[in-house]
Amino acid sequence: MISQYLYQCSTKAPHYLYQLILPESFKLLPLFGVSILKTQALKGGQVSSDTRALHYHRILSMSPSSMMTYLYPRITAIHDLSPEAALPDPSTGRLVLPAYMAATYVRMEANGAYLLGESHPLLIVTFF
């Protein structure tokens, strides 16, 4: 897809402008492409046909924002929450939610506890 984008853009531009300039929406395409291949709807192995069909139809019915959260879930560190987290703000009355972190192993601590996901099922992951 990226090679076709480069070809289409380069035929309309002068020869000295042959650099690939990706739009912002294309920058995460490889991440989401690999992530969708690892879902239970598409991966091989010991996945029953009922489970595969359930996840396939769940993916087809998702909005783009919920699809992004499904493919790249949000992680919250719950071992070092601030004292104000999950309590109402006195001035606005709204809940103060803890900040999300990038879902990478590099950002995780060895003895931390993390909340993975936003919808069902929520997973609590600990590293020892």
C-alpha atoms as a PDB file:
ATOM      1  CA  MET A   1       0.000   0.000   0.000  1.00  0.00           C
ATOM      2  CA  ILE A   2       2.813   2.388   0.856  1.00  0.00           C
ATOM      3  CA  SER A   3       4.644   1.594  -2.380  1.00  0.00           C
ATOM      4  CA  GLN A   4       1.506   2.462  -4.380  1.00  0.00           C
ATOM      5  CA  TYR A   5       1.155   5.688  -2.402  1.00  0.00           C
ATOM      6  CA  LEU A   6       4.769   6.582  -3.254  1.00  0.00           C
ATOM      7  CA  TYR A   7       4.234   5.676  -6.926  1.00  0.00           C
ATOM      8  CA  GLN A   8       1.072   7.764  -7.241  1.00  0.00           C
ATOM      9  CA  CYS A   9       2.626  10.763  -5.505  1.00  0.00           C
ATOM     10  CA  SER A  10       5.927  10.559  -7.377  1.00  0.00           C
ATOM     11  CA  THR A  11       4.353  10.509 -10.837  1.00  0.00           C
ATOM     12  CA  LYS A  12       2.645  13.817 -10.133  1.00  0.00           C
ATOM     13  CA  ALA A  13       5.680  15.517  -8.565  1.00  0.00           C
ATOM     14  CA  PRO A  14       9.013  16.587 -10.051  1.00  0.00           C
ATOM     15  CA  HIS A  15      11.906  14.127  -9.797  1.00  0.00           C
ATOM     16  CA  TYR A  16      13.608  15.993  -6.956  1.00  0.00           C
ATOM     17  CA  LEU A  17      10.566  15.503  -4.692  1.00  0.00           C
ATOM     18  CA  TYR A  18      10.725  11.669  -4.551  1.00  0.00           C
ATOM     19  CA  GLN A  19      10.583  11.454  -0.801  1.00  0.00           C
ATOM     20  CA  LEU A  20       7.874   9.577   1.011  1.00  0.00           C
ATOM     21  CA  ILE A  21       5.747  11.882   3.141  1.00  0.00           C
ATOM     22  CA  LEU A  22       3.161   9.876   5.023  1.00  0.00           C
ATOM     23  CA  PRO A  23      -0.025  11.374   6.390  1.00  0.00           C
ATOM     24  CA  GLU A  24      -0.479  11.158  10.163  1.00  0.00           C
ATOM     25  CA  SER A  25      -3.162   8.481   9.780  1.00  0.00           C
ATOM     26  CA  PHE A  26      -0.720   6.118   7.998  1.00  0.00           C
ATOM     27  CA  LYS A  27       1.959   6.173  10.701  1.00  0.00           C
ATOM     28  CA  LEU A  28       0.226   3.616  12.940  1.00  0.00           C
ATOM     29  CA  LEU A  29      -0.968   1.378  10.091  1.00  0.00           C
ATOM     30  CA  PRO A  30       1.808  -1.248  10.556  1.00  0.00           C
ATOM     31  CA  LEU A  31       1.084  -1.477  14.299  1.00  0.00           C
ATOM     32  CA  PHE A  32      -2.636  -2.017  13.793  1.00  0.00           C
ATOM     33  CA  GLY A  33      -2.039  -4.370  10.854  1.00  0.00           C
ATOM     34  CA  VAL A  34       0.121  -6.692  12.944  1.00  0.00           C
ATOM     35  CA  SER A  35      -2.247  -6.356  15.905  1.00  0.00           C
ATOM     36  CA  ILE A  36      -5.291  -7.488  13.914  1.00  0.00           C
ATOM     37  CA  LEU A  37      -3.386 -10.524  12.663  1.00  0.00           C
ATOM     38  CA  LYS A  38      -2.852 -11.564  16.289  1.00  0.00           C
ATOM     39  CA  THR A  39      -6.536 -11.421  17.254  1.00  0.00           C
ATOM     40  CA  GLN A  40      -8.480 -14.615  17.837  1.00  0.00           C
ATOM     41  CA  ALA A  41     -10.505 -13.889  14.710  1.00  0.00           C
ATOM     42  CA  LEU A  42      -7.514 -14.293  12.388  1.00  0.00           C
ATOM     43  CA  LYS A  43      -4.718 -16.143  14.146  1.00  0.00           C
ATOM     44  CA  GLY A  44      -4.051 -19.793  13.548  1.00  0.00           C
ATOM     45  CA  GLY A  45      -3.629 -22.505  16.091  1.00  0.00           C
ATOM     46  CA  GLN A  46      -6.033 -23.984  18.584  1.00  0.00           C
ATOM     47  CA  VAL A  47      -8.912 -21.500  18.244  1.00  0.00           C
ATOM     48  CA  SER A  48     -12.347 -23.084  17.946  1.00  0.00           C
ATOM     49  CA  SER A  49     -14.586 -22.029  15.084  1.00  0.00           C
ATOM     50  CA  ASP A  50     -17.170 -20.631  17.517  1.00  0.00           C
ATOM     51  CA  THR A  51     -14.575 -18.415  19.208  1.00  0.00           C
ATOM     52  CA  ARG A  52     -13.226 -17.314  15.840  1.00  0.00           C
ATOM     53  CA  ALA A  53     -16.733 -16.413  14.610  1.00  0.00           C
ATOM     54  CA  LEU A  54     -17.525 -14.521  17.838  1.00  0.00           C
ATOM     55  CA  HIS A  55     -14.402 -12.366  17.571  1.00  0.00           C
ATOM     56  CA  TYR A  56     -14.875 -11.878  13.821  1.00  0.00           C
ATOM     57  CA  HIS A  57     -18.381 -10.492  14.290  1.00  0.00           C
ATOM     58  CA  ARG A  58     -17.298  -8.437  17.295  1.00  0.00           C
ATOM     59  CA  ILE A  59     -14.581  -6.796  15.176  1.00  0.00           C
ATOM     60  CA  LEU A  60     -16.991  -6.103  12.317  1.00  0.00           C
ATOM     61  CA  SER A  61     -19.435  -4.353  14.650  1.00  0.00           C
ATOM     62  CA  MET A  62     -16.867  -2.091  16.344  1.00  0.00           C
ATOM     63  CA  SER A  63     -16.508   1.627  15.761  1.00  0.00           C
ATOM     64  CA  PRO A  64     -13.049   2.841  14.713  1.00  0.00           C
ATOM     65  CA  SER A  65     -12.233   4.205  18.176  1.00  0.00           C
ATOM     66  CA  SER A  66     -13.245   0.985  19.954  1.00  0.00           C
ATOM     67  CA  MET A  67     -11.339  -1.019  17.314  1.00  0.00           C
ATOM     68  CA  MET A  68      -8.178   0.943  18.110  1.00  0.00           C
ATOM     69  CA  THR A  69      -8.640   0.259  21.832  1.00  0.00           C
ATOM     70  CA  TYR A  70      -9.311  -3.420  21.123  1.00  0.00           C
ATOM     71  CA  LEU A  71      -6.167  -3.800  19.017  1.00  0.00           C
ATOM     72  CA  TYR A  72      -3.898  -1.646  21.194  1.00  0.00           C
ATOM     73  CA  PRO A  73      -5.369  -1.691  24.721  1.00  0.00           C
ATOM     74  CA  ARG A  74      -4.795   1.020  27.262  1.00  0.00           C
ATOM     75  CA  ILE A  75      -2.714   0.212  30.311  1.00  0.00           C
ATOM     76  CA  THR A  76      -2.956   1.912  33.690  1.00  0.00           C
ATOM     77  CA  ALA A  77      -0.336   1.455  36.394  1.00  0.00           C
ATOM     78  CA  ILE A  78      -2.297   0.762  39.586  1.00  0.00           C
ATOM     79  CA  HIS A  79       0.679   0.220  41.883  1.00  0.00           C
ATOM     80  CA  ASP A  80       1.594   3.902  42.014  1.00  0.00           C
ATOM     81  CA  LEU A  81      -1.737   5.735  41.873  1.00  0.00           C
ATOM     82  CA  SER A  82      -1.917   9.241  43.239  1.00  0.00           C
ATOM     83  CA  PRO A  83      -4.072   9.802  46.332  1.00  0.00           C
ATOM     84  CA  GLU A  84      -6.558  11.801  44.219  1.00  0.00           C
ATOM     85  CA  ALA A  85      -7.051   9.060  41.622  1.00  0.00           C
ATOM     86  CA  ALA A  86     -10.563   7.609  41.272  1.00  0.00           C
ATOM     87  CA  LEU A  87     -12.018  10.200  43.656  1.00  0.00           C
ATOM     88  CA  PRO A  88     -14.237  13.144  42.736  1.00  0.00           C
ATOM     89  CA  ASP A  89     -12.526  16.466  42.166  1.00  0.00           C
ATOM     90  CA  PRO A  90     -13.837  18.909  44.813  1.00  0.00           C
ATOM     91  CA  SER A  91     -14.182  21.806  42.362  1.00  0.00           C
ATOM     92  CA  THR A  92     -15.849  20.015  39.424  1.00  0.00           C
ATOM     93  CA  GLY A  93     -17.308  16.884  40.985  1.00  0.00           C
ATOM     94  CA  ARG A  94     -15.838  14.710  38.203  1.00  0.00           C
ATOM     95  CA  LEU A  95     -13.732  11.633  38.829  1.00  0.00           C
ATOM     96  CA  VAL A  96      -9.980  12.063  38.515  1.00  0.00           C
ATOM     97  CA  LEU A  97      -8.854   9.182  36.317  1.00  0.00           C
ATOM     98  CA  PRO A  98      -5.295   7.873  36.379  1.00  0.00           C
ATOM     99  CA  ALA A  99      -3.153   8.475  33.307  1.00  0.00           C
ATOM    100  CA  TYR A 100      -2.694   5.775  30.681  1.00  0.00           C
ATOM    101  CA  MET A 101       0.721   4.570  29.682  1.00  0.00           C
ATOM    102  CA  ALA A 102       2.122   3.139  26.466  1.00  0.00           C
ATOM    103  CA  ALA A 103       1.649  -0.614  26.146  1.00  0.00           C
ATOM    104  CA  THR A 104       5.342  -1.451  25.981  1.00  0.00           C
ATOM    105  CA  TYR A 105       7.422  -3.694  28.184  1.00  0.00           C
ATOM    106  CA  VAL A 106      10.097  -1.003  28.489  1.00  0.00           C
ATOM    107  CA  ARG A 107       7.754   1.297  30.441  1.00  0.00           C
ATOM    108  CA  MET A 108       6.664  -1.390  32.924  1.00  0.00           C
ATOM    109  CA  GLU A 109       8.295  -1.901  36.303  1.00  0.00           C
ATOM    110  CA  ALA A 110       9.388  -5.296  37.564  1.00  0.00           C
ATOM    111  CA  ASN A 111       7.146  -5.371  40.656  1.00  0.00           C
ATOM    112  CA  GLY A 112       4.246  -3.341  39.280  1.00  0.00           C
ATOM    113  CA  ALA A 113       0.543  -4.090  38.897  1.00  0.00           C
ATOM    114  CA  TYR A 114      -1.266  -2.913  35.769  1.00  0.00           C
ATOM    115  CA  LEU A 115      -4.875  -2.710  34.629  1.00  0.00           C
ATOM    116  CA  LEU A 116      -5.115  -3.784  30.991  1.00  0.00           C
ATOM    117  CA  GLY A 117      -8.085  -2.763  28.872  1.00  0.00           C
ATOM    118  CA  GLU A 118     -11.213  -0.696  29.316  1.00  0.00           C
ATOM    119  CA  SER A 119     -14.114  -2.979  28.606  1.00  0.00           C
ATOM    120  CA  HIS A 120     -14.761  -6.578  29.498  1.00  0.00           C
ATOM    121  CA  PRO A 121     -12.683  -8.502  30.326  1.00  0.00           C
ATOM    122  CA  LEU A 122     -10.384  -6.322  32.393  1.00  0.00           C
ATOM    123  CA  LEU A 123      -7.104  -7.957  33.295  1.00  0.00           C
ATOM    124  CA  ILE A 124      -4.840  -7.176  36.214  1.00  0.00           C
ATOM    125  CA  VAL A 125      -1.271  -8.038  35.258  1.00  0.00           C
ATOM    126  CA  THR A 126       1.553  -8.241  37.780  1.00  0.00           C
ATOM    127  CA  PHE A 127       5.258  -8.768  37.178  1.00  0.00           C
ATOM    128  CA  PHE A 128       7.534 -10.320  39.782  1.00  0.00           C
END
